[in-house]
Amino acid sequence: MRHPSVRRKRSIILRPHQYSTIEYMSGPSRRGPKRCLRCHKVIKKGEPWRRVTSPADPKYGSYIVGIHTKCPH
């Protein structure tokens, strides 16, 4: 017999192919991107930035963009 106050927890299933991912980076990366999407400046050594990867699209595939942390939103 189960205790009446105990509730079952729902499990959350994350599907990474449906959501964009954000990686926090510092300095340039070999995998790219080389420039910031907002200011179009080259990502320099030691600069903090975010790599945003889109979910896979059946027609166009996925893409990766880089945005400096200091660039306005």
Protein backbone atom coordinates (compact mmCIF):
# COMPACT_ATOMS: atom_id res chain seq x y z
CA MET A 1 0.00 0.00 0.00
CA ARG A 2 1.33 3.41 -0.96
CA HIS A 3 1.32 6.36 1.35
CA PRO A 4 -1.38 8.84 0.20
CA SER A 5 0.89 11.91 0.37
CA VAL A 6 3.60 10.46 -1.88
CA ARG A 7 3.24 11.63 -5.45
CA ARG A 8 4.91 10.17 -8.48
CA LYS A 9 7.48 12.42 -10.06
CA ARG A 10 7.13 13.01 -13.75
CA SER A 11 10.23 12.41 -15.75
CA ILE A 12 11.34 15.09 -18.16
CA ILE A 13 12.63 13.99 -21.52
CA LEU A 14 14.88 16.46 -23.28
CA ARG A 15 15.29 16.09 -26.99
CA PRO A 16 18.44 18.02 -27.98
CA HIS A 17 17.61 17.85 -31.67
CA GLN A 18 14.54 20.07 -30.99
CA TYR A 19 16.27 22.86 -29.04
CA SER A 20 19.18 25.19 -29.67
CA THR A 21 22.24 24.77 -27.47
CA ILE A 22 24.45 27.49 -25.99
CA GLU A 23 28.11 26.95 -25.10
CA TYR A 24 30.07 29.62 -23.25
CA MET A 25 33.50 29.99 -24.84
CA SER A 26 36.66 32.02 -24.35
CA GLY A 27 38.94 32.87 -27.25
CA PRO A 28 38.74 31.60 -30.83
CA SER A 29 37.76 28.03 -31.62
CA ARG A 30 39.00 25.79 -34.42
CA ARG A 31 35.44 24.66 -35.08
CA GLY A 32 34.36 28.27 -35.64
CA PRO A 33 32.73 30.66 -35.97
CA LYS A 34 35.47 33.21 -36.51
CA ARG A 35 33.38 36.40 -36.20
CA CYS A 36 30.63 37.75 -33.98
CA LEU A 37 27.16 37.74 -35.54
CA ARG A 38 26.23 41.14 -34.06
CA CYS A 39 29.35 43.33 -34.38
CA HIS A 40 31.12 41.31 -37.13
CA LYS A 41 34.48 41.63 -35.33
CA VAL A 42 36.92 38.72 -35.16
CA ILE A 43 36.82 36.74 -31.91
CA LYS A 44 40.18 37.39 -30.25
CA LYS A 45 42.20 35.36 -27.76
CA GLY A 46 40.69 35.53 -24.27
CA GLU A 47 37.41 37.21 -25.32
CA PRO A 48 34.27 35.63 -23.83
CA TRP A 49 31.54 34.67 -26.30
CA ARG A 50 28.63 32.27 -26.78
CA ARG A 51 28.39 29.57 -29.44
CA VAL A 52 24.73 29.04 -30.35
CA THR A 53 23.89 25.89 -32.31
CA SER A 54 20.47 25.64 -33.92
CA PRO A 55 18.34 22.51 -33.89
CA ALA A 56 18.62 20.42 -37.03
CA ASP A 57 16.25 21.47 -39.80
CA PRO A 58 15.31 18.76 -42.33
CA LYS A 59 15.81 21.11 -45.29
CA TYR A 60 18.73 23.32 -44.23
CA GLY A 61 20.49 21.33 -41.50
CA SER A 62 21.87 23.07 -38.40
CA TYR A 63 24.04 26.16 -38.15
CA ILE A 64 26.38 27.69 -35.57
CA VAL A 65 26.76 31.39 -34.74
CA GLY A 66 29.02 33.21 -32.29
CA ILE A 67 28.05 36.26 -30.23
CA HIS A 68 30.38 38.27 -27.98
CA THR A 69 29.22 38.49 -24.37
CA LYS A 70 29.76 42.27 -24.43
CA CYS A 71 27.57 42.84 -27.52
CA PRO A 72 24.12 44.23 -26.66
CA HIS A 73 21.14 41.89 -27.00
